[in-house]
Amino acid sequence: MAHEISTELWSWSASDLAAAIREGRVSSVEVTQALLERIDQVNPALNALVDLQPQRALNAAAAADRARTADEDLGPLHGVPISIKDNVDERGLHNSGGVVDERRQPAAEDAPVVRNLLDAGAVSLARSNVPAFSLRWFSENDVYGRTLNPWSPAHTPGGSSGGAATAVATGMVPLAHGNDIGGSVRYPAHVCGVMGLRPTVGRIPSWVPTNAAPGIPPSPLLMSVEGVLARTTDDLALGLRAMSRPDLRDPACVPVPFQRADPLPAGTALGIVRGGEGAPVSGEHHRALDRAEGALRAAGFIVEEVDVPQLAEAHRLWLLLLYEDLRGLLPVIRETGGEAINHSIDHGYAVLSEMWGTPDLSTYLFGHIRRSALIAEMQQLLSRYPVLVMPGSGVETPQHGADLEATSAAALMAGQWPNSAPALLGLPGLTTPTGLDAGLPTGVQLLGGRFAESSLFDVAEAL
């Protein structure tokens, strides 16, 4: 889509900016300056971006402009400013992870996902805020403070990529890096009214040099992904293509670069999931599903309601496996994470105990064995319905601190099954907006089979 050059370059999509820069209709320096001005306008009130590096970004933008005029090969994100989540390594900058640690040194090298984005031509503008250890559905920490939801300062912007979601929603960046082990890309995108993609495990390398020495526990290895937040489907696809270059230091990484497949044919059947036992869904999410169903039928899809009890079971297994693997990190969390993350973790373990008692090794091994069976069952279902349409969450958007009180924490944990289940299964998920309900964004999540991100984009475009 072509635009006339305007002073509101901050409102353009990443795809439009990349095309305009490539064609010389606008310079990367102009775009970077426009976004820095936008950040000056809105970030002080929202606290989404931290460790801003304006001169570093302008220098990189100037280098991008020189490369274009020198007729060098240009990557898909050439000259486009982005943000990097503050829990991965970026050479020369501190990777705080939302944790106060005076001993932490600037990263000596880029994490593979950062290197992939920079090699694709992106200009790193700032880091995006996170909760301590990226382990809450809220984005605040003792280093940089609290990030606000741009639609309501009382409500969470989501976590752990809450800074990224707020930045994209308000035009501070057109595209943001995030990562996701239980909804950390999809949920912030959902509550901030933008789009968030969690790719298939292994599509994008998740290895982080500073975290590599002790090794990676099983759950993060099997569930955690790098992802992308943006305002358009084209931008999600652009970001995925740029990020999906393999780095085999990541034990889960597979060399499967992303390319759009042929579109889903007219009359394709989609499944719509409205919850069930162990999978609560509140009213605004039912209304969002209704809107999505109407739009998809109008676009020529067949939409059939399906019962998928595997998702509730996957949520239970996610809690078991992730929280058991977190036990090795608890001493560090207790010492350095701060009061909020410790309260939140305590409530998570209380829910774990209510569901599973005191898990032993046999229970833990059962969880991994059952996980593999669930993946097979879900892949079989997804051969019939290439995309499942699910709630973006099962509970209304909480206010800040809802995970710090036992009752509301338990309700929030139960209602996040749409975010935890895809993570447990290692499947791709995409959250996309459907409008507003009581002044807050609503949306749905699209779930696909392994390496079937292209089908998610097809359905998201119809919405």
Protein backbone atom coordinates (compact mmCIF):
# COMPACT_ATOMS: atom_id res chain seq x y z
CA MET A 1 0.00 0.00 0.00
CA ALA A 2 1.52 3.33 -1.03
CA HIS A 3 1.43 6.42 1.17
CA GLU A 4 2.32 10.01 0.51
CA ILE A 5 5.23 11.09 2.66
CA SER A 6 3.89 12.62 5.86
CA THR A 7 5.24 13.77 9.18
CA GLU A 8 3.32 10.91 10.81
CA LEU A 9 5.75 8.23 9.73
CA TRP A 10 5.29 6.66 13.17
CA SER A 11 1.82 5.50 12.06
CA TRP A 12 3.07 3.54 9.04
CA SER A 13 3.39 -0.22 9.02
CA ALA A 14 6.80 -1.85 8.96
CA SER A 15 6.06 -3.24 5.49
CA ASP A 16 5.21 0.20 4.12
CA LEU A 17 8.27 1.74 5.73
CA ALA A 18 10.54 -0.98 4.35
CA ALA A 19 9.17 -0.43 0.84
CA ALA A 20 9.45 3.35 1.06
CA ILE A 21 13.03 3.20 2.34
CA ARG A 22 14.03 0.66 -0.28
CA GLU A 23 12.55 2.84 -3.04
CA GLY A 24 14.14 6.02 -1.69
CA ARG A 25 10.82 7.76 -1.00
CA VAL A 26 11.86 8.28 2.60
CA SER A 27 15.13 7.76 4.45
CA SER A 28 15.76 5.54 7.44
CA VAL A 29 17.05 8.60 9.28
CA GLU A 30 13.74 10.41 8.70
CA VAL A 31 11.79 7.42 9.97
CA THR A 32 14.03 6.98 13.00
CA GLN A 33 13.73 10.67 13.88
CA ALA A 34 9.94 10.50 13.56
CA LEU A 35 9.77 7.51 15.88
CA LEU A 36 12.11 9.12 18.40
CA GLU A 37 9.80 12.13 18.45
CA ARG A 38 6.81 9.85 18.93
CA ILE A 39 8.58 8.14 21.82
CA ASP A 40 9.27 11.52 23.41
CA GLN A 41 5.54 12.28 23.16
CA VAL A 42 4.04 9.10 24.60
CA ASN A 43 6.65 6.98 26.37
CA PRO A 44 7.07 9.14 29.49
CA ALA A 45 3.46 8.40 30.46
CA LEU A 46 3.51 4.70 29.48
CA ASN A 47 7.06 3.52 30.25
CA ALA A 48 7.06 0.91 27.50
CA LEU A 49 10.58 1.41 26.12
CA VAL A 50 13.67 1.49 28.29
CA ASP A 51 17.38 1.96 27.67
CA LEU A 52 16.63 4.17 24.66
CA GLN A 53 19.67 4.57 22.38
CA PRO A 54 18.83 7.53 20.09
CA GLN A 55 22.29 8.32 18.73
CA ARG A 56 23.10 4.64 18.26
CA ALA A 57 19.85 4.24 16.32
CA LEU A 58 20.45 7.35 14.19
CA ASN A 59 23.95 6.11 13.35
CA ALA A 60 22.54 2.74 12.28
CA ALA A 61 19.84 4.51 10.22
CA ALA A 62 22.45 6.65 8.49
CA ALA A 63 24.44 3.51 7.66
CA ALA A 64 21.27 1.95 6.24
CA ASP A 65 20.75 4.98 4.00
CA ARG A 66 24.33 4.79 2.76
CA ALA A 67 23.90 1.11 1.97
CA ARG A 68 20.80 1.86 -0.11
CA THR A 69 22.49 4.54 -2.17
CA ALA A 70 25.51 2.26 -2.65
CA ASP A 71 23.18 -0.29 -4.25
CA GLU A 72 24.03 -2.97 -1.68
CA ASP A 73 21.82 -6.00 -1.08
CA LEU A 74 19.05 -4.92 1.28
CA GLY A 75 17.34 -7.14 3.82
CA PRO A 76 13.55 -7.34 4.27
CA LEU A 77 13.60 -4.91 7.24
CA HIS A 78 16.25 -2.58 5.84
CA GLY A 79 16.21 0.73 7.71
CA VAL A 80 13.08 -0.07 9.76
CA PRO A 81 13.30 0.79 13.48
CA ILE A 82 12.24 -1.91 15.95
CA SER A 83 12.48 -2.67 19.66
CA ILE A 84 14.20 -5.61 21.35
CA LYS A 85 12.80 -7.19 24.50
CA ASP A 86 14.91 -6.58 27.58
CA ASN A 87 15.55 -10.27 28.26
CA VAL A 88 17.80 -11.18 25.32
CA ASP A 89 21.37 -10.17 24.59
CA GLU A 90 22.14 -7.16 22.44
CA ARG A 91 25.84 -6.46 22.03
CA GLY A 92 27.08 -3.54 24.10
CA LEU A 93 23.83 -3.16 26.09
CA HIS A 94 22.72 -4.53 29.44
CA ASN A 95 20.24 -7.42 29.36
CA SER A 96 18.54 -6.58 32.65
CA GLY A 97 15.73 -9.14 32.48
CA GLY A 98 13.92 -6.79 34.84
CA VAL A 99 16.29 -7.76 37.66
CA VAL A 100 18.50 -5.46 39.73
CA ASP A 101 22.03 -6.88 39.45
CA GLU A 102 25.00 -4.55 39.83
CA ARG A 103 27.33 -7.31 38.61
CA ARG A 104 25.69 -7.58 35.20
CA GLN A 105 27.94 -6.58 32.31
CA PRO A 106 26.99 -5.37 28.81
CA ALA A 107 26.38 -8.29 26.46
CA ALA A 108 29.46 -9.35 24.51
CA GLU A 109 27.47 -10.55 21.50
CA ASP A 110 23.98 -10.48 20.04
CA ALA A 111 21.55 -13.30 20.68
CA PRO A 112 20.83 -15.11 17.39
CA VAL A 113 17.34 -13.59 17.10
CA VAL A 114 18.81 -10.10 17.49
CA ARG A 115 21.53 -10.85 14.95
CA ASN A 116 18.90 -12.11 12.51
CA LEU A 117 16.88 -8.90 12.84
CA LEU A 118 19.94 -6.70 12.41
CA ASP A 119 21.15 -8.74 9.43
CA ALA A 120 17.70 -8.22 7.91
CA GLY A 121 18.42 -4.49 8.10
CA ALA A 122 16.41 -3.52 11.17
CA VAL A 123 17.49 -0.53 13.28
CA SER A 124 17.40 -1.26 17.02
CA LEU A 125 15.77 1.74 18.69
CA ALA A 126 15.29 0.68 22.34
CA ARG A 127 14.66 -2.18 24.71
CA SER A 128 11.09 -3.03 25.77
CA ASN A 129 10.13 -3.41 29.42
CA VAL A 130 9.44 -6.76 31.11
CA PRO A 131 8.58 -8.17 34.54
CA ALA A 132 11.42 -9.64 36.60
CA PHE A 133 12.56 -12.90 35.01
CA SER A 134 9.74 -12.43 32.45
CA LEU A 135 7.47 -14.57 34.62
CA ARG A 136 4.29 -12.49 35.04
CA TRP A 137 1.35 -11.41 32.87
CA PHE A 138 2.18 -7.87 34.06
CA SER A 139 5.18 -5.77 33.04
CA GLU A 140 6.85 -4.06 35.98
CA ASN A 141 10.13 -4.50 37.80
CA ASP A 142 12.46 -2.86 40.30
CA VAL A 143 14.82 -1.63 37.56
CA TYR A 144 12.53 0.38 35.29
CA GLY A 145 9.13 0.41 36.98
CA ARG A 146 5.66 -0.29 35.58
CA THR A 147 4.48 -0.24 31.97
CA LEU A 148 0.91 0.94 31.43
CA ASN A 149 -1.75 -0.28 29.03
CA PRO A 150 -2.40 2.56 26.53
CA TRP A 151 -6.16 1.95 26.69
CA SER A 152 -6.41 2.07 30.48
CA PRO A 153 -3.67 2.93 32.99
CA ALA A 154 -5.45 0.78 35.60
CA HIS A 155 -5.15 -2.43 33.57
CA THR A 156 -2.20 -4.62 32.69
CA PRO A 157 -0.50 -4.23 29.30
CA GLY A 158 0.17 -7.94 29.59
CA GLY A 159 3.41 -9.71 30.19
CA SER A 160 6.03 -10.47 29.74
CA SER A 161 6.23 -8.53 26.43
CA GLY A 162 4.06 -5.73 27.81
CA GLY A 163 6.51 -3.00 26.88
CA ALA A 164 6.63 -4.29 23.32
CA ALA A 165 2.84 -4.41 23.01
CA THR A 166 2.33 -0.89 24.36
CA ALA A 167 5.07 0.45 22.09
CA VAL A 168 3.50 -1.11 18.99
CA ALA A 169 -0.02 -0.03 19.97
CA THR A 170 1.02 3.61 20.33
CA GLY A 171 3.24 3.89 17.27
CA MET A 172 6.58 4.03 19.07
CA VAL A 173 7.75 1.17 16.84
CA PRO A 174 5.98 -0.55 13.94
CA LEU A 175 7.33 -3.97 14.90
CA ALA A 176 8.67 -5.39 18.15
CA HIS A 177 10.56 -8.48 19.18
CA GLY A 178 9.11 -10.56 22.00
CA ASN A 179 9.26 -14.08 23.36
CA ASP A 180 6.67 -16.47 24.72
CA ILE A 181 6.65 -19.44 27.09
CA GLY A 182 3.05 -19.17 28.22
CA GLY A 183 1.47 -16.23 26.43
CA SER A 184 4.19 -13.60 26.75
CA VAL A 185 3.80 -12.40 23.14
CA ARG A 186 0.15 -13.25 22.51
CA TYR A 187 -1.38 -11.99 25.74
CA PRO A 188 0.18 -8.49 25.73
CA ALA A 189 -0.78 -8.11 22.07
CA HIS A 190 -4.32 -9.20 22.96
CA VAL A 191 -4.86 -6.74 25.83
CA CYS A 192 -3.20 -3.85 23.97
CA GLY A 193 -5.19 -4.33 20.75
CA VAL A 194 -2.37 -5.35 18.37
CA MET A 195 -1.26 -8.63 16.79
CA GLY A 196 1.15 -11.11 18.33
CA LEU A 197 2.68 -14.22 16.80
CA ARG A 198 4.11 -17.15 18.69
CA PRO A 199 5.78 -19.34 16.02
CA THR A 200 6.35 -23.09 16.17
CA VAL A 201 9.06 -24.10 18.64
CA GLY A 202 12.38 -24.22 16.77
CA ARG A 203 11.39 -21.93 13.89
CA ILE A 204 13.41 -19.03 15.41
CA PRO A 205 16.51 -19.66 17.56
CA SER A 206 15.90 -18.86 21.24
CA TRP A 207 19.46 -19.30 22.48
CA VAL A 208 20.77 -16.42 24.65
CA PRO A 209 24.55 -16.37 25.20
CA THR A 210 24.49 -15.05 28.78
CA ASN A 211 21.99 -17.75 29.81
CA ALA A 212 23.74 -20.59 28.00
CA ALA A 213 26.36 -21.72 30.54
CA PRO A 214 24.03 -23.59 32.94
CA GLY A 215 22.06 -25.14 30.07
CA ILE A 216 18.34 -25.02 29.32
CA PRO A 217 15.75 -26.95 31.40
CA PRO A 218 13.32 -29.19 29.48
CA SER A 219 10.25 -26.93 29.67
CA PRO A 220 11.82 -23.77 28.23
CA LEU A 221 13.50 -25.90 25.58
CA LEU A 222 10.17 -27.41 24.54
CA MET A 223 7.91 -24.39 25.03
CA SER A 224 9.79 -21.10 24.71
CA VAL A 225 9.90 -19.23 21.39
CA GLU A 226 10.96 -15.86 20.02
CA GLY A 227 8.10 -14.00 18.39
CA VAL A 228 6.91 -10.74 16.90
CA LEU A 229 4.30 -8.06 17.69
CA ALA A 230 2.93 -5.72 15.03
CA ARG A 231 -0.24 -4.02 13.79
CA THR A 232 -0.72 -5.92 10.51
CA THR A 233 -0.52 -9.48 9.28
CA ASP A 234 2.00 -8.49 6.62
CA ASP A 235 4.26 -7.13 9.34
CA LEU A 236 4.03 -10.32 11.37
CA ALA A 237 5.02 -12.31 8.29
CA LEU A 238 7.84 -9.88 7.55
CA GLY A 239 9.18 -10.18 11.08
CA LEU A 240 8.91 -13.97 11.06
CA ARG A 241 10.76 -14.20 7.76
CA ALA A 242 13.56 -11.98 9.09
CA MET A 243 13.90 -13.84 12.38
CA SER A 244 13.71 -17.46 11.20
CA ARG A 245 17.33 -18.01 10.25
CA PRO A 246 18.63 -21.02 12.21
CA ASP A 247 21.36 -21.07 14.83
CA LEU A 248 22.05 -24.64 15.88
CA ARG A 249 23.52 -23.65 19.24
CA ASP A 250 19.85 -23.70 20.20
CA PRO A 251 19.10 -27.43 20.72
CA ALA A 252 15.47 -26.97 19.63
CA CYS A 253 16.22 -24.97 16.49
CA VAL A 254 15.43 -26.43 13.09
CA PRO A 255 16.42 -24.97 9.69
CA VAL A 256 12.90 -24.14 8.45
CA PRO A 257 12.95 -20.61 6.99
CA PHE A 258 9.50 -19.08 6.64
CA GLN A 259 7.77 -18.64 3.30
CA ARG A 260 4.06 -18.02 2.74
CA ALA A 261 2.31 -21.14 1.47
CA ASP A 262 -0.61 -21.24 -0.94
CA PRO A 263 -3.67 -19.65 0.69
CA LEU A 264 -6.30 -21.80 2.34
CA PRO A 265 -8.92 -22.64 -0.31
CA ALA A 266 -12.46 -21.29 -0.22
CA GLY A 267 -14.73 -23.39 1.95
CA THR A 268 -11.98 -24.51 4.35
CA ALA A 269 -13.45 -25.67 7.65
CA LEU A 270 -12.20 -23.94 10.79
CA GLY A 271 -12.92 -25.06 14.35
CA ILE A 272 -14.12 -22.60 16.96
CA VAL A 273 -13.37 -23.41 20.61
CA ARG A 274 -15.57 -21.82 23.27
CA GLY A 275 -14.03 -23.37 26.37
CA GLY A 276 -15.34 -26.20 28.48
CA GLU A 277 -14.55 -28.01 31.70
CA GLY A 278 -11.31 -26.62 33.07
CA ALA A 279 -11.31 -23.94 30.36
CA PRO A 280 -13.38 -20.96 31.58
CA VAL A 281 -14.35 -18.16 29.19
CA SER A 282 -15.82 -14.82 30.32
CA GLY A 283 -18.49 -12.86 28.47
CA GLU A 284 -16.36 -10.40 26.50
CA HIS A 285 -14.38 -13.30 25.04
CA HIS A 286 -17.57 -15.06 23.92
CA ARG A 287 -18.63 -11.83 22.21
CA ALA A 288 -15.23 -11.59 20.51
CA LEU A 289 -15.62 -15.16 19.25
CA ASP A 290 -19.07 -14.28 17.90
CA ARG A 291 -17.64 -11.34 15.95
CA ALA A 292 -14.81 -13.47 14.62
CA GLU A 293 -17.16 -16.25 13.58
CA GLY A 294 -19.36 -13.84 11.63
CA ALA A 295 -16.39 -12.31 9.84
CA LEU A 296 -14.94 -15.68 8.91
CA ARG A 297 -18.24 -16.98 7.56
CA ALA A 298 -18.56 -13.81 5.51
CA ALA A 299 -15.06 -14.45 4.14
CA GLY A 300 -16.12 -17.88 2.87
CA PHE A 301 -14.84 -20.16 5.64
CA ILE A 302 -16.93 -22.91 7.20
CA VAL A 303 -16.87 -22.51 10.98
CA GLU A 304 -17.76 -25.48 13.19
CA GLU A 305 -17.90 -25.47 16.97
CA VAL A 306 -15.59 -28.12 18.41
CA ASP A 307 -14.89 -29.44 21.87
CA VAL A 308 -11.15 -29.76 22.51
CA PRO A 309 -10.59 -31.12 26.04
CA GLN A 310 -6.91 -31.54 25.19
CA LEU A 311 -6.47 -27.78 25.70
CA ALA A 312 -7.58 -27.84 29.33
CA GLU A 313 -5.34 -30.83 29.95
CA ALA A 314 -2.45 -29.07 28.23
CA HIS A 315 -2.94 -26.10 30.56
CA ARG A 316 -2.66 -28.39 33.59
CA LEU A 317 0.47 -30.01 32.20
CA TRP A 318 2.00 -26.61 31.41
CA LEU A 319 1.64 -25.63 35.04
CA LEU A 320 3.14 -28.92 36.22
CA LEU A 321 6.15 -29.00 33.91
CA LEU A 322 7.04 -25.32 33.87
CA TYR A 323 6.74 -24.76 37.62
CA GLU A 324 8.64 -27.94 38.44
CA ASP A 325 11.47 -26.84 36.14
CA LEU A 326 11.43 -23.38 37.75
CA ARG A 327 12.35 -24.84 41.14
CA GLY A 328 16.03 -24.74 40.23
CA LEU A 329 15.76 -20.99 39.61
CA LEU A 330 13.86 -20.22 42.82
CA PRO A 331 16.90 -19.27 44.95
CA VAL A 332 17.91 -16.61 42.41
CA ILE A 333 14.32 -15.37 42.05
CA ARG A 334 13.97 -15.15 45.82
CA GLU A 335 17.20 -13.21 46.18
CA THR A 336 17.05 -10.81 43.23
CA GLY A 337 13.57 -10.76 41.69
CA GLY A 338 11.81 -8.42 44.09
CA GLU A 339 8.65 -8.67 46.15
CA ALA A 340 6.10 -8.80 43.33
CA ILE A 341 7.57 -11.73 41.42
CA ASN A 342 7.98 -13.69 44.65
CA HIS A 343 4.31 -13.19 45.58
CA SER A 344 3.24 -14.13 42.06
CA ILE A 345 5.41 -17.26 42.06
CA ASP A 346 4.06 -18.30 45.46
CA HIS A 347 0.48 -18.11 44.19
CA GLY A 348 1.46 -20.12 41.11
CA TYR A 349 2.87 -22.88 43.28
CA ALA A 350 -0.31 -22.84 45.38
CA VAL A 351 -2.33 -23.52 42.21
CA LEU A 352 0.15 -26.23 41.24
CA SER A 353 -0.30 -27.89 44.63
CA GLU A 354 -4.09 -27.73 44.36
CA MET A 355 -3.99 -29.42 40.96
CA TRP A 356 -1.17 -31.91 41.42
CA GLY A 357 -0.51 -32.25 45.15
CA THR A 358 3.22 -32.60 45.72
CA PRO A 359 4.56 -33.74 42.33
CA ASP A 360 7.21 -36.44 42.37
CA LEU A 361 9.50 -37.69 39.62
CA SER A 362 6.86 -40.12 38.34
CA THR A 363 4.31 -37.32 38.03
CA TYR A 364 6.82 -35.14 36.21
CA LEU A 365 7.73 -37.93 33.78
CA PHE A 366 4.05 -38.68 33.22
CA GLY A 367 3.61 -35.01 32.26
CA HIS A 368 6.22 -35.23 29.53
CA ILE A 369 4.88 -38.54 28.22
CA ARG A 370 1.31 -37.26 28.15
CA ARG A 371 2.50 -34.07 26.43
CA SER A 372 3.79 -36.07 23.46
CA ALA A 373 0.45 -37.90 23.17
CA LEU A 374 -1.46 -34.62 23.27
CA ILE A 375 0.66 -33.21 20.44
CA ALA A 376 -0.23 -36.21 18.27
CA GLU A 377 -3.92 -35.83 19.11
CA MET A 378 -3.88 -32.12 18.33
CA GLN A 379 -2.03 -32.60 15.05
CA GLN A 380 -4.71 -35.09 14.02
CA LEU A 381 -7.45 -32.57 14.86
CA LEU A 382 -5.57 -29.83 13.00
CA SER A 383 -5.45 -32.01 9.89
CA ARG A 384 -9.24 -31.64 9.79
CA TYR A 385 -9.39 -28.02 10.95
CA PRO A 386 -6.15 -26.29 9.88
CA VAL A 387 -6.89 -23.41 12.25
CA LEU A 388 -8.73 -23.35 15.57
CA VAL A 389 -10.30 -20.05 16.63
CA MET A 390 -9.98 -19.64 20.40
CA PRO A 391 -10.38 -16.92 23.01
CA GLY A 392 -7.41 -14.59 23.46
CA SER A 393 -7.80 -15.29 27.19
CA GLY A 394 -10.49 -16.78 29.38
CA VAL A 395 -10.73 -13.95 31.90
CA GLU A 396 -11.37 -10.23 31.67
CA THR A 397 -8.29 -8.02 31.44
CA PRO A 398 -7.03 -7.69 35.04
CA GLN A 399 -5.94 -4.59 36.84
CA HIS A 400 -2.34 -4.24 37.97
CA GLY A 401 -1.37 -6.60 40.75
CA ALA A 402 -4.16 -9.13 40.26
CA ASP A 403 -1.62 -11.96 40.52
CA LEU A 404 -0.46 -10.77 43.96
CA GLU A 405 -3.64 -11.77 45.83
CA ALA A 406 -4.44 -15.47 46.19
CA THR A 407 -8.04 -15.56 44.91
CA SER A 408 -7.58 -13.32 41.89
CA ALA A 409 -4.25 -15.01 41.09
CA ALA A 410 -5.93 -18.42 40.97
CA ALA A 411 -8.72 -17.10 38.73
CA LEU A 412 -6.19 -15.47 36.42
CA MET A 413 -4.13 -18.66 36.21
CA ALA A 414 -7.21 -20.75 35.38
CA GLY A 415 -8.31 -18.27 32.72
CA GLN A 416 -5.00 -18.25 30.89
CA TRP A 417 -5.48 -21.72 29.41
CA PRO A 418 -5.69 -20.29 25.84
CA ASN A 419 -2.14 -18.98 26.30
CA SER A 420 -0.54 -21.82 28.23
CA ALA A 421 -1.95 -24.73 26.19
CA PRO A 422 -0.34 -23.79 22.82
CA ALA A 423 2.96 -23.25 24.64
CA LEU A 424 2.85 -26.70 26.23
CA LEU A 425 2.14 -28.19 22.79
CA GLY A 426 4.84 -26.17 21.01
CA LEU A 427 2.29 -25.03 18.42
CA PRO A 428 2.03 -21.65 16.68
CA GLY A 429 -0.56 -19.15 17.88
CA LEU A 430 -1.58 -15.69 16.69
CA THR A 431 -3.70 -13.18 18.60
CA THR A 432 -5.57 -10.60 16.57
CA PRO A 433 -8.01 -7.83 17.59
CA THR A 434 -11.77 -7.94 17.10
CA GLY A 435 -12.64 -4.49 18.46
CA LEU A 436 -13.43 -2.97 21.85
CA ASP A 437 -15.62 -4.15 24.71
CA ALA A 438 -16.28 -1.76 27.61
CA GLY A 439 -13.44 0.42 26.32
CA LEU A 440 -10.79 -2.32 26.32
CA PRO A 441 -9.44 -4.29 23.36
CA THR A 442 -10.83 -7.73 22.63
CA GLY A 443 -9.63 -10.35 20.22
CA VAL A 444 -9.23 -14.01 19.42
CA GLN A 445 -6.35 -16.42 19.14
CA LEU A 446 -5.71 -18.58 16.11
CA LEU A 447 -4.04 -21.94 16.72
CA GLY A 448 -2.39 -23.95 13.95
CA GLY A 449 -0.37 -27.10 13.40
CA ARG A 450 3.41 -27.29 13.59
CA PHE A 451 5.07 -24.95 11.05
CA ALA A 452 1.64 -23.89 9.76
CA GLU A 453 2.03 -20.17 10.50
CA SER A 454 0.99 -19.35 6.93
CA SER A 455 -2.52 -20.68 7.61
CA LEU A 456 -2.76 -18.45 10.67
CA PHE A 457 -1.93 -15.44 8.51
CA ASP A 458 -4.64 -16.43 6.00
CA VAL A 459 -7.31 -16.49 8.71
CA ALA A 460 -6.01 -13.35 10.42
CA GLU A 461 -6.25 -11.48 7.12
CA ALA A 462 -9.88 -12.52 6.82
CA LEU A 463 -10.49 -11.00 10.25
